[in-house]
Amino acid sequence: MVTPPSDEELAGLPALAPRLADALRALGYGVSGLRQLLDDDGLAALDRGEPEAVVRKIDLALDRPGLAAVVSAFIVGDAVDLVPWLGEELVADCVRCGVLRAVGDAAQHPRHAATIDVRPVEVDGVERLVFSDRDASMTDHVPGPDHVLGVGRASRSLLDITPMDPVGSVLDLGAGCGVQALGQHGAGSITATDVHPRACLYAEATLAAAGLADSAEVLVGSWFQPVAGRRFDRIVANPPFVVGVPEVGHVYRDSGLDLDGATELMLREVPDHLEPDGTAHLLGAWAHVDSGDRGGGAGADWASRVASWLPKEGVEAWIIQRDVVDPAAYVGTWLRDESIDPRSAEGRAKTRRWLDHFAANDVVGIGFGYITLQRVDGPSSITCEDMPQPLGGPFRDEAAEWLLRTAWLRDRNADDILGARYRVRPGVAVERVELAGSEADPEQGFSPAALRVTRTDGPRWSHDTDDAVVRILSAITPDAPLATVLDVMAMLGALPEDGLDDVKEALVPVVVDLVRHGLLLPAELLDDADAHDE
């Protein structure tokens, strides 16, 4: 692999990026161009990190030699003659910035190899180019401690969970290559920060190539230090959340804080930097710690641990655990992330030290997930739940609606819940599960085993229920308050008139849970949505 650019060389990249991006786009270098050049099989090989399979697809693209050349250089990492496609002046400027290195005899066979990644991505329906250090997916090398990551799976997850509608001000904390800031292009102002000066140079280049340099500022500094005393309408963060020993091996993933200290720091400090009603959208990881009285195992009370990091006043929080893994699997995953073979002497030594640290701190599992926060008036409300099921679409839509639903619930008492009008969400299904009789009595037939109401859109939340609740849901109409619906059902004999007050009291928490997960929608929210659409 060619030598990566120094920070001094990269200082010229933000000014160069718009010219380079324009030249690449003119050759069709983008998401759609890659799809046409490589087709589905080639893109799959690219995702798997199989360069020769990608090259075979490129070699077949005889009708697009310019696109083939720049894909070979900036994605595969091969040395090619770029002068016919980028021009002598731009190639020379790229060499001065360390973006390209001359390979072989420049006089006889001028070839250049790219030292950085310039990766096409689609963000909020717009094709962009993201600048970062070269990763190890296409070339055999070990990224160094100062490596600036490109668009990885975590970055794509954060893009998926973060709203992209325009707001006044956005903070992208731990901006890295700047890809999250691209999703906020409609904001009045964008502030991107990173502790790593090299990352800030790449973020500036990414924003400049997207034409966002005038509406964005990029600041160097640790955590919230660069924006001390400032507040924002939206905060987006993919912090270095790796749970491990308190040291920095790689700036992009290690915070230097012990265990899950990075996520703790974010949750403690984010609320102070949000405007009223402002929201934060974060990725996080947390330790599952065996308290000694739960029998250990993953599932030790992670929710209480994470909730304790948030203030008692002023926050609506939704913390979703998407996955939890055992310590050994977690360590192996992150060793491979830094291109260390767990079987090597180095890999075994790091594994032993990491697992010893987990054992000394009673860590029995590590959870990962999504965090949605909103600054509110009044006591904090914190919801922690597991969501292992498929998302069923962009999670940002569900998170935005969840905040609306919880805001509606926040100040309502039992009488308010019963006095409100509702509609069952379109597509909600009633699932009746019946199981066949036992082997000892095969003639028994089928017996009821479960009754559930389930969303068929979004995260597909599912709630166990009973026939009485199903009857009530079937009768609910947005034209009448819930209490009135229950009274009419009692008059018609569908509910007992004696004890109807007890039925209403028992139904309130059921309705709250169904509203929280969007199976039951308050008519007021539907009316607001219809008015907004008009």
Protein backbone atom coordinates (compact mmCIF):
# COMPACT_ATOMS: atom_id res chain seq x y z
CA MET A 1 0.00 0.00 0.00
CA VAL A 2 1.18 3.54 -0.75
CA THR A 3 2.04 5.86 2.13
CA PRO A 4 -1.03 7.65 3.55
CA PRO A 5 -0.97 11.45 3.43
CA SER A 6 0.43 13.34 6.38
CA ASP A 7 -1.70 15.86 8.25
CA GLU A 8 0.41 18.61 6.68
CA GLU A 9 -0.39 17.33 3.18
CA LEU A 10 -4.08 16.95 4.01
CA ALA A 11 -4.30 20.59 5.03
CA GLY A 12 -4.88 21.42 1.36
CA LEU A 13 -7.62 18.81 0.85
CA PRO A 14 -10.65 20.93 1.87
CA ALA A 15 -9.81 23.49 -0.84
CA LEU A 16 -9.11 20.76 -3.40
CA ALA A 17 -12.17 18.61 -2.64
CA PRO A 18 -14.79 20.54 -4.69
CA ARG A 19 -12.63 20.41 -7.85
CA LEU A 20 -11.84 16.73 -7.39
CA ALA A 21 -15.48 15.92 -6.66
CA ASP A 22 -16.68 17.78 -9.77
CA ALA A 23 -14.15 15.92 -11.94
CA LEU A 24 -15.16 12.55 -10.49
CA ARG A 25 -18.87 13.23 -10.90
CA ALA A 26 -18.31 14.26 -14.52
CA LEU A 27 -17.04 10.72 -15.11
CA GLY A 28 -20.16 9.20 -13.53
CA TYR A 29 -18.47 8.45 -10.21
CA GLY A 30 -21.39 8.08 -7.83
CA VAL A 31 -23.78 5.56 -6.33
CA SER A 32 -25.71 5.05 -9.57
CA GLY A 33 -22.50 4.96 -11.62
CA LEU A 34 -21.02 2.29 -9.37
CA ARG A 35 -24.18 0.24 -9.65
CA GLN A 36 -24.05 0.39 -13.44
CA LEU A 37 -20.33 -0.40 -13.55
CA LEU A 38 -20.22 -3.25 -11.03
CA ASP A 39 -23.82 -4.57 -11.01
CA ASP A 40 -25.20 -6.35 -7.96
CA ASP A 41 -22.54 -9.07 -7.92
CA GLY A 42 -19.70 -6.55 -8.05
CA LEU A 43 -21.24 -4.41 -5.31
CA ALA A 44 -21.61 -7.51 -3.14
CA ALA A 45 -17.94 -8.34 -3.72
CA LEU A 46 -17.04 -4.77 -2.79
CA ASP A 47 -19.02 -5.09 0.43
CA ARG A 48 -17.25 -8.38 1.22
CA GLY A 49 -13.81 -6.86 0.61
CA GLU A 50 -12.86 -8.94 -2.44
CA PRO A 51 -10.89 -6.61 -4.74
CA GLU A 52 -10.14 -9.04 -7.56
CA ALA A 53 -13.81 -9.83 -8.04
CA VAL A 54 -14.43 -6.08 -8.28
CA VAL A 55 -11.58 -5.67 -10.78
CA ARG A 56 -13.07 -8.35 -13.04
CA LYS A 57 -16.26 -6.30 -13.26
CA ILE A 58 -14.23 -3.15 -13.99
CA ASP A 59 -12.30 -4.90 -16.76
CA LEU A 60 -15.57 -5.66 -18.54
CA ALA A 61 -16.60 -1.99 -18.61
CA LEU A 62 -15.07 -1.17 -21.99
CA ASP A 63 -17.62 1.56 -22.69
CA ARG A 64 -16.76 3.63 -19.57
CA PRO A 65 -12.96 3.73 -19.32
CA GLY A 66 -12.88 6.97 -17.33
CA LEU A 67 -15.22 5.69 -14.65
CA ALA A 68 -13.34 2.39 -14.59
CA ALA A 69 -10.06 4.24 -14.02
CA VAL A 70 -11.23 6.34 -11.07
CA VAL A 71 -13.03 3.39 -9.44
CA SER A 72 -9.82 1.37 -9.77
CA ALA A 73 -7.87 4.18 -8.11
CA PHE A 74 -10.15 5.50 -5.38
CA ILE A 75 -12.02 2.34 -4.39
CA VAL A 76 -9.85 -0.65 -5.29
CA GLY A 77 -6.57 1.18 -4.62
CA ASP A 78 -4.80 0.15 -7.83
CA ALA A 79 -2.27 2.38 -9.60
CA VAL A 80 -3.67 3.68 -12.91
CA ASP A 81 -3.07 6.48 -15.40
CA LEU A 82 -5.46 9.22 -14.27
CA VAL A 83 -4.15 12.13 -16.34
CA PRO A 84 -6.43 11.43 -19.34
CA TRP A 85 -9.46 11.56 -17.06
CA LEU A 86 -8.63 14.14 -14.38
CA GLY A 87 -6.15 16.30 -16.28
CA GLU A 88 -2.51 17.08 -15.52
CA GLU A 89 -3.24 20.08 -13.29
CA LEU A 90 -5.73 18.31 -11.02
CA VAL A 91 -3.52 15.21 -10.77
CA ALA A 92 -0.55 17.41 -9.83
CA ASP A 93 -2.61 19.18 -7.16
CA CYS A 94 -3.76 15.80 -5.80
CA VAL A 95 -0.11 14.73 -5.57
CA ARG A 96 0.77 17.91 -3.67
CA CYS A 97 -2.01 17.19 -1.15
CA GLY A 98 -0.92 13.57 -0.76
CA VAL A 99 -4.19 12.31 -2.26
CA LEU A 100 -2.29 10.58 -5.08
CA ARG A 101 1.21 9.07 -5.17
CA ALA A 102 3.19 8.46 -8.33
CA VAL A 103 3.98 4.78 -8.84
CA GLY A 104 6.73 3.39 -11.09
CA ASP A 105 8.36 5.34 -13.92
CA ALA A 106 6.29 8.51 -14.18
CA ALA A 107 7.97 9.54 -17.43
CA GLN A 108 7.36 6.30 -19.31
CA HIS A 109 4.15 5.02 -17.74
CA PRO A 110 2.53 7.71 -15.58
CA ARG A 111 0.44 5.93 -12.98
CA HIS A 112 -0.92 7.12 -9.67
CA ALA A 113 -2.38 5.34 -6.66
CA ALA A 114 -4.93 6.96 -4.37
CA THR A 115 -3.90 7.22 -0.73
CA ILE A 116 -7.40 8.05 0.56
CA ASP A 117 -10.96 6.83 0.10
CA VAL A 118 -13.41 8.96 -1.83
CA ARG A 119 -16.57 6.93 -1.43
CA PRO A 120 -19.92 7.60 -3.13
CA VAL A 121 -22.91 7.45 -0.78
CA GLU A 122 -26.55 8.44 -0.98
CA VAL A 123 -27.73 10.55 1.94
CA ASP A 124 -31.30 11.83 2.18
CA GLY A 125 -31.83 11.02 -1.49
CA VAL A 126 -28.78 12.98 -2.66
CA GLU A 127 -25.59 11.43 -4.01
CA ARG A 128 -22.50 12.64 -2.13
CA LEU A 129 -18.78 11.89 -1.94
CA VAL A 130 -17.20 11.15 1.45
CA PHE A 131 -13.46 11.60 2.07
CA SER A 132 -11.58 9.45 4.58
CA ASP A 133 -8.46 7.34 5.09
CA ARG A 134 -8.26 4.09 3.15
CA ASP A 135 -9.61 1.17 5.11
CA ALA A 136 -8.48 -2.45 4.94
CA SER A 137 -11.41 -3.70 2.87
CA MET A 138 -9.62 -3.47 -0.50
CA THR A 139 -5.93 -3.36 0.46
CA ASP A 140 -3.96 -5.55 2.84
CA HIS A 141 -2.86 -3.19 5.59
CA VAL A 142 -3.46 -2.46 9.26
CA PRO A 143 -5.03 0.96 9.91
CA GLY A 144 -2.94 3.04 12.29
CA PRO A 145 -3.99 4.72 15.54
CA ASP A 146 -4.83 7.98 13.72
CA HIS A 147 -6.98 6.28 11.08
CA VAL A 148 -10.11 8.24 10.08
CA LEU A 149 -12.93 5.84 9.32
CA GLY A 150 -15.14 6.19 6.28
CA VAL A 151 -18.78 5.18 5.99
CA GLY A 152 -19.08 1.99 8.04
CA ARG A 153 -22.05 0.08 9.36
CA ALA A 154 -22.30 2.21 12.49
CA SER A 155 -22.36 5.38 10.38
CA ARG A 156 -25.14 3.95 8.24
CA SER A 157 -27.09 2.96 11.35
CA LEU A 158 -26.87 6.50 12.70
CA LEU A 159 -28.01 7.92 9.36
CA ASP A 160 -30.99 5.57 9.54
CA ILE A 161 -32.09 6.68 13.01
CA THR A 162 -31.52 10.44 12.68
CA PRO A 163 -34.23 12.82 11.41
CA MET A 164 -33.14 14.86 8.39
CA ASP A 165 -35.89 17.48 8.27
CA PRO A 166 -34.57 21.07 8.47
CA VAL A 167 -33.95 22.61 11.90
CA GLY A 168 -32.22 25.78 12.98
CA SER A 169 -28.95 24.37 14.30
CA VAL A 170 -27.24 20.97 14.35
CA LEU A 171 -24.22 19.65 16.25
CA ASP A 172 -22.43 16.63 14.80
CA LEU A 173 -20.21 15.54 17.70
CA GLY A 174 -17.39 13.18 16.82
CA ALA A 175 -17.90 14.02 13.16
CA GLY A 176 -15.14 11.81 11.77
CA CYS A 177 -15.30 11.96 7.97
CA GLY A 178 -18.38 14.22 8.09
CA VAL A 179 -20.98 11.84 6.70
CA GLN A 180 -23.56 12.57 9.42
CA ALA A 181 -23.39 16.29 8.72
CA LEU A 182 -24.37 15.55 5.11
CA GLY A 183 -27.71 14.27 6.36
CA GLN A 184 -28.36 17.66 7.99
CA HIS A 185 -27.86 19.73 4.84
CA GLY A 186 -31.17 21.54 5.33
CA ALA A 187 -30.21 22.95 8.75
CA GLY A 188 -29.68 26.67 9.20
CA SER A 189 -26.23 25.97 10.62
CA ILE A 190 -24.09 22.86 11.08
CA THR A 191 -21.33 22.54 13.66
CA ALA A 192 -19.10 19.48 13.31
CA THR A 193 -16.56 18.68 16.02
CA ASP A 194 -13.91 16.03 16.53
CA VAL A 195 -11.01 15.54 18.91
CA HIS A 196 -8.88 14.39 15.97
CA PRO A 197 -7.50 17.21 13.75
CA ARG A 198 -7.07 14.76 10.88
CA ALA A 199 -10.75 13.84 11.04
CA CYS A 200 -11.68 17.51 10.93
CA LEU A 201 -9.72 17.93 7.68
CA TYR A 202 -11.63 15.06 6.12
CA ALA A 203 -14.95 16.43 7.42
CA GLU A 204 -14.14 19.83 5.91
CA ALA A 205 -13.37 18.14 2.59
CA THR A 206 -16.61 16.13 2.64
CA LEU A 207 -18.68 19.22 3.42
CA ALA A 208 -16.86 21.34 0.85
CA ALA A 209 -17.42 18.72 -1.86
CA ALA A 210 -21.14 18.82 -1.02
CA GLY A 211 -21.29 22.61 -1.26
CA LEU A 212 -21.96 22.96 2.48
CA ALA A 213 -18.81 24.81 3.51
CA ASP A 214 -20.62 28.14 3.92
CA SER A 215 -23.29 26.76 6.29
CA ALA A 216 -20.97 24.53 8.32
CA GLU A 217 -18.17 25.05 10.81
CA VAL A 218 -15.69 22.35 11.78
CA LEU A 219 -14.08 22.64 15.22
CA VAL A 220 -11.29 20.63 16.83
CA GLY A 221 -11.73 19.62 20.45
CA SER A 222 -12.70 16.93 22.95
CA TRP A 223 -16.35 16.07 23.54
CA PHE A 224 -18.37 19.26 24.19
CA GLN A 225 -15.38 21.53 24.85
CA PRO A 226 -15.52 23.25 21.41
CA VAL A 227 -19.19 24.20 21.95
CA ALA A 228 -19.13 25.03 25.67
CA GLY A 229 -22.15 27.13 26.60
CA ARG A 230 -23.92 26.56 23.28
CA ARG A 231 -27.21 24.81 22.58
CA PHE A 232 -28.57 23.18 19.45
CA ASP A 233 -31.90 22.09 18.01
CA ARG A 234 -30.46 18.69 17.11
CA ILE A 235 -27.38 16.75 18.20
CA VAL A 236 -26.09 13.77 16.24
CA ALA A 237 -23.26 11.63 17.60
CA ASN A 238 -21.44 8.43 16.82
CA PRO A 239 -18.97 8.65 19.72
CA PRO A 240 -15.99 6.31 20.24
CA PHE A 241 -18.14 3.95 22.29
CA VAL A 242 -16.08 0.75 22.33
CA VAL A 243 -16.38 -0.82 25.80
CA GLY A 244 -12.94 -1.76 27.04
CA VAL A 245 -9.82 -0.74 28.88
CA PRO A 246 -9.20 2.99 29.54
CA GLU A 247 -6.74 3.69 26.75
CA VAL A 248 -6.81 4.96 23.18
CA GLY A 249 -5.63 2.45 20.59
CA HIS A 250 -7.58 3.98 17.70
CA VAL A 251 -8.97 7.51 17.91
CA TYR A 252 -12.09 6.71 15.89
CA ARG A 253 -13.35 4.03 18.30
CA ASP A 254 -11.57 4.34 21.68
CA SER A 255 -12.49 7.14 24.07
CA GLY A 256 -9.82 6.54 26.72
CA LEU A 257 -12.62 6.19 29.28
CA ASP A 258 -13.15 2.98 31.22
CA LEU A 259 -15.74 0.47 30.01
CA ASP A 260 -18.87 2.33 28.83
CA GLY A 261 -17.68 5.73 30.04
CA ALA A 262 -18.11 7.28 26.58
CA THR A 263 -21.84 6.59 26.48
CA GLU A 264 -22.17 7.69 30.10
CA LEU A 265 -20.42 10.99 29.37
CA MET A 266 -22.68 11.65 26.39
CA LEU A 267 -25.88 10.99 28.32
CA ARG A 268 -24.78 13.16 31.22
CA GLU A 269 -23.81 16.13 29.05
CA VAL A 270 -26.07 16.10 26.00
CA PRO A 271 -29.15 17.56 27.77
CA ASP A 272 -27.26 20.74 28.70
CA HIS A 273 -26.56 21.41 25.02
CA LEU A 274 -30.10 21.02 23.70
CA GLU A 275 -32.51 23.86 23.04
CA PRO A 276 -36.02 23.43 24.52
CA ASP A 277 -37.72 20.60 22.58
CA GLY A 278 -34.38 19.90 20.89
CA THR A 279 -33.50 16.28 20.19
CA ALA A 280 -30.38 14.12 20.24
CA HIS A 281 -29.79 10.95 18.26
CA LEU A 282 -26.87 8.77 19.33
CA LEU A 283 -25.33 5.37 19.03
CA GLY A 284 -24.20 3.86 22.31
CA ALA A 285 -22.87 0.77 24.05
CA TRP A 286 -23.14 -0.31 27.67
CA ALA A 287 -21.86 -3.02 29.93
CA HIS A 288 -24.12 -5.65 31.42
CA VAL A 289 -22.73 -5.90 34.94
CA ASP A 290 -23.49 -8.82 37.24
CA SER A 291 -24.73 -7.23 40.45
CA GLY A 292 -24.27 -10.48 42.36
CA ASP A 293 -27.94 -11.06 43.07
CA ARG A 294 -29.23 -11.82 39.56
CA GLY A 295 -27.28 -14.94 38.79
CA GLY A 296 -25.17 -13.16 36.17
CA GLY A 297 -25.47 -13.56 32.46
CA ALA A 298 -26.29 -11.05 29.78
CA GLY A 299 -29.44 -9.28 30.91
CA ALA A 300 -28.00 -8.06 34.19
CA ASP A 301 -29.83 -4.80 34.78
CA TRP A 302 -28.48 -2.73 31.90
CA ALA A 303 -31.54 -0.49 31.82
CA SER A 304 -31.02 0.79 35.37
CA ARG A 305 -27.34 1.35 34.66
CA VAL A 306 -27.99 3.45 31.56
CA ALA A 307 -30.95 5.31 33.05
CA SER A 308 -28.81 6.38 36.03
CA TRP A 309 -26.66 8.49 33.69
CA LEU A 310 -29.54 10.80 32.76
CA PRO A 311 -30.78 13.76 34.84
CA LYS A 312 -33.94 13.45 36.92
CA GLU A 313 -35.42 16.54 35.28
CA GLY A 314 -35.84 17.74 31.74
CA VAL A 315 -35.36 14.69 29.49
CA GLU A 316 -37.56 12.35 27.50
CA ALA A 317 -35.36 9.37 26.65
CA TRP A 318 -35.87 6.28 24.52
CA ILE A 319 -33.00 3.81 24.74
CA ILE A 320 -33.22 0.83 22.42
CA GLN A 321 -30.97 -2.19 22.84
CA ARG A 322 -30.54 -3.76 19.40
CA ASP A 323 -28.07 -6.48 20.34
CA VAL A 324 -26.14 -7.93 23.25
CA VAL A 325 -23.07 -10.16 22.98
CA ASP A 326 -20.86 -12.05 25.39
CA PRO A 327 -17.44 -10.57 26.27
CA ALA A 328 -15.40 -13.04 24.21
CA ALA A 329 -17.40 -12.44 21.03
CA TYR A 330 -17.21 -8.69 21.60
CA VAL A 331 -13.44 -8.70 21.96
CA GLY A 332 -12.98 -10.88 18.89
CA THR A 333 -15.12 -8.55 16.80
CA TRP A 334 -13.11 -5.46 17.68
CA LEU A 335 -9.76 -7.21 17.26
CA ARG A 336 -10.74 -8.07 13.70
CA ASP A 337 -11.90 -4.49 13.23
CA GLU A 338 -8.30 -3.38 13.70
CA SER A 339 -7.03 -6.20 11.46
CA ILE A 340 -5.59 -8.25 14.33
CA ASP A 341 -5.94 -12.02 14.06
CA PRO A 342 -7.23 -13.35 17.42
CA ARG A 343 -5.02 -16.41 16.81
CA SER A 344 -1.80 -14.38 16.64
CA ALA A 345 0.41 -13.77 19.66
CA GLU A 346 -0.66 -10.13 19.68
CA GLY A 347 -4.30 -11.08 19.35
CA ARG A 348 -4.14 -13.59 22.18
CA ALA A 349 -2.38 -11.12 24.48
CA LYS A 350 -4.94 -8.38 23.77
CA THR A 351 -7.81 -10.81 24.22
CA ARG A 352 -6.48 -11.95 27.60
CA ARG A 353 -6.01 -8.38 28.86
CA TRP A 354 -9.43 -7.26 27.65
CA LEU A 355 -11.28 -10.24 29.09
CA ASP A 356 -9.38 -9.93 32.38
CA HIS A 357 -10.56 -6.32 32.59
CA PHE A 358 -14.15 -7.37 31.95
CA ALA A 359 -13.93 -10.10 34.58
CA ALA A 360 -12.46 -7.71 37.16
CA ASN A 361 -15.45 -5.42 36.63
CA ASP A 362 -18.10 -8.19 36.58
CA VAL A 363 -19.00 -7.50 32.94
CA VAL A 364 -21.08 -10.40 31.62
CA GLY A 365 -22.27 -8.87 28.35
CA ILE A 366 -22.12 -5.78 26.18
CA GLY A 367 -25.20 -4.16 24.71
CA PHE A 368 -25.42 -1.87 21.71
CA GLY A 369 -28.24 0.32 20.52
CA TYR A 370 -29.91 3.58 19.65
CA ILE A 371 -30.56 6.54 21.92
CA THR A 372 -33.19 9.21 21.28
CA LEU A 373 -33.40 12.16 23.68
CA GLN A 374 -35.56 15.26 23.83
CA ARG A 375 -35.27 18.22 26.17
CA VAL A 376 -38.61 18.76 27.93
CA ASP A 377 -40.04 20.63 30.88
CA GLY A 378 -40.74 18.60 33.99
CA PRO A 379 -39.50 15.28 35.38
CA SER A 380 -37.50 13.02 33.11
CA SER A 381 -39.17 9.99 31.55
CA ILE A 382 -36.80 7.20 30.53
CA THR A 383 -37.87 4.17 28.52
CA CYS A 384 -35.36 1.35 27.99
CA GLU A 385 -36.36 -1.65 25.92
CA ASP A 386 -34.98 -4.41 23.75
CA MET A 387 -35.66 -4.31 20.03
CA PRO A 388 -34.05 -7.35 18.38
CA GLN A 389 -36.68 -7.48 15.62
CA PRO A 390 -36.20 -5.96 12.13
CA LEU A 391 -36.77 -2.22 11.95
CA GLY A 392 -39.16 -2.40 9.00
CA GLY A 393 -38.03 0.90 7.49
CA PRO A 394 -36.01 3.98 8.47
CA PHE A 395 -35.98 4.16 12.25
CA ARG A 396 -35.91 7.97 12.11
CA ASP A 397 -39.62 7.94 11.23
CA GLU A 398 -40.46 5.74 14.20
CA ALA A 399 -38.31 7.83 16.57
CA ALA A 400 -39.99 11.07 15.46
CA GLU A 401 -43.46 9.59 15.91
CA TRP A 402 -42.46 8.05 19.24
CA LEU A 403 -41.55 11.52 20.55
CA LEU A 404 -44.95 12.83 19.44
CA ARG A 405 -46.75 9.94 21.10
CA THR A 406 -44.86 10.28 24.38
CA ALA A 407 -45.37 14.06 24.38
CA TRP A 408 -49.09 13.42 24.06
CA LEU A 409 -49.00 10.96 26.97
CA ARG A 410 -46.75 13.05 29.20
CA ASP A 411 -49.31 15.29 30.92
CA ARG A 412 -52.39 13.11 30.70
CA ASN A 413 -53.98 11.35 33.67
CA ALA A 414 -56.34 8.38 33.64
CA ASP A 415 -59.43 10.53 32.99
CA ASP A 416 -57.68 12.20 30.06
CA ILE A 417 -56.78 8.82 28.58
CA LEU A 418 -60.38 7.61 28.83
CA GLY A 419 -61.72 10.90 27.49
CA ALA A 420 -59.57 10.90 24.37
CA ARG A 421 -60.47 9.61 20.90
CA TYR A 422 -58.34 6.99 19.14
CA ARG A 423 -57.90 5.02 15.95
CA VAL A 424 -56.27 1.62 15.64
CA ARG A 425 -53.22 1.98 13.42
CA PRO A 426 -53.87 0.74 9.90
CA GLY A 427 -52.26 -2.65 9.39
CA VAL A 428 -52.37 -3.77 13.03
CA ALA A 429 -52.97 -7.52 13.09
CA VAL A 430 -54.61 -9.80 15.63
CA GLU A 431 -52.58 -13.00 15.99
CA ARG A 432 -54.19 -16.08 17.46
CA VAL A 433 -51.76 -18.92 18.14
CA GLU A 434 -53.09 -22.42 18.72
CA LEU A 435 -50.96 -25.49 19.38
CA ALA A 436 -51.74 -29.08 18.52
CA GLY A 437 -52.36 -31.59 21.26
CA SER A 438 -49.56 -33.55 22.89
CA GLU A 439 -48.11 -36.79 21.48
CA ALA A 440 -49.82 -38.65 24.32
CA ASP A 441 -53.23 -37.34 23.20
CA PRO A 442 -53.07 -36.55 19.46
CA GLU A 443 -56.88 -36.39 19.24
CA GLN A 444 -56.95 -33.35 21.48
CA GLY A 445 -56.87 -30.94 18.51
CA PHE A 446 -55.66 -27.38 18.83
CA SER A 447 -55.60 -25.38 22.04
CA PRO A 448 -55.25 -21.58 22.36
CA ALA A 449 -51.67 -20.66 23.31
CA ALA A 450 -51.36 -16.92 22.70
CA LEU A 451 -53.30 -13.88 21.58
CA ARG A 452 -51.40 -10.82 20.37
CA VAL A 453 -51.93 -7.52 18.60
CA THR A 454 -49.01 -6.68 16.33
CA ARG A 455 -47.96 -3.84 14.08
CA THR A 456 -47.17 -4.90 10.53
CA ASP A 457 -45.16 -1.76 9.80
CA GLY A 458 -42.10 -0.17 11.39
CA PRO A 459 -40.54 -2.15 14.25
CA ARG A 460 -43.54 -4.52 14.37
CA TRP A 461 -44.19 -4.16 18.08
CA SER A 462 -46.28 -7.02 19.44
CA HIS A 463 -48.34 -7.04 22.66
CA ASP A 464 -49.92 -10.01 24.40
CA THR A 465 -53.59 -9.33 25.02
CA ASP A 466 -56.96 -10.99 25.63
CA ASP A 467 -60.31 -11.25 23.87
CA ALA A 468 -61.84 -8.39 25.84
CA VAL A 469 -59.16 -5.95 24.68
CA VAL A 470 -59.49 -7.18 21.09
CA ARG A 471 -63.26 -6.50 21.24
CA ILE A 472 -62.59 -3.00 22.55
CA LEU A 473 -60.00 -2.28 19.85
CA SER A 474 -62.50 -3.46 17.24
CA ALA A 475 -65.06 -0.97 18.53
CA ILE A 476 -62.78 2.04 18.87
CA THR A 477 -63.56 4.95 16.55
CA PRO A 478 -61.94 8.38 16.24
CA ASP A 479 -65.44 9.87 16.33
CA ALA A 480 -66.09 9.07 20.01
CA PRO A 481 -64.12 9.21 23.29
CA LEU A 482 -62.90 5.87 24.58
CA ALA A 483 -65.08 6.13 27.70
CA THR A 484 -68.16 6.56 25.50
CA VAL A 485 -67.19 3.54 23.41
CA LEU A 486 -66.92 1.46 26.60
CA ASP A 487 -70.29 2.72 27.87
CA VAL A 488 -71.99 1.78 24.60
CA MET A 489 -70.34 -1.66 24.62
CA ALA A 490 -71.67 -2.23 28.14
CA MET A 491 -75.18 -1.16 27.07
CA LEU A 492 -75.03 -3.66 24.20
CA GLY A 493 -73.80 -6.45 26.46
CA ALA A 494 -70.29 -6.63 25.02
CA LEU A 495 -68.89 -5.59 28.42
CA PRO A 496 -70.33 -6.14 31.91
CA GLU A 497 -72.26 -3.11 33.19
CA ASP A 498 -71.46 -4.15 36.74
CA GLY A 499 -67.81 -3.42 37.30
CA LEU A 500 -67.44 -1.22 34.21
CA ASP A 501 -65.43 1.27 36.25
CA ASP A 502 -62.97 -1.51 37.07
CA VAL A 503 -62.71 -2.36 33.37
CA LYS A 504 -61.95 1.28 32.57
CA GLU A 505 -59.32 1.49 35.29
CA ALA A 506 -57.61 -1.69 34.12
CA LEU A 507 -57.71 -0.54 30.50
CA VAL A 508 -55.80 2.72 31.04
CA PRO A 509 -52.27 1.21 31.31
CA VAL A 510 -53.06 -1.06 28.36
CA VAL A 511 -53.98 1.96 26.24
CA VAL A 512 -50.87 3.83 27.36
CA ASP A 513 -48.64 0.94 26.26
CA LEU A 514 -50.44 0.60 22.92
CA VAL A 515 -50.12 4.34 22.27
CA ARG A 516 -46.46 4.33 23.23
CA HIS A 517 -45.70 1.67 20.62
CA GLY A 518 -48.02 3.17 18.02
CA LEU A 519 -50.62 0.41 17.77
CA LEU A 520 -53.26 2.86 18.97
CA LEU A 521 -53.09 6.46 17.73
CA PRO A 522 -54.67 9.45 19.49
CA ALA A 523 -57.04 11.24 17.12
CA GLU A 524 -55.47 14.58 18.08
CA LEU A 525 -52.19 13.49 16.55
CA LEU A 526 -54.01 12.32 13.42
CA ASP A 527 -55.80 15.67 13.18
CA ASP A 528 -52.48 17.53 13.54
CA ALA A 529 -50.91 15.35 10.84
CA ASP A 530 -53.85 15.95 8.46
CA ALA A 531 -53.64 19.71 9.06
CA HIS A 532 -49.89 19.65 8.40
CA ASP A 533 -50.41 17.75 5.13
CA GLU A 534 -52.95 20.33 3.98
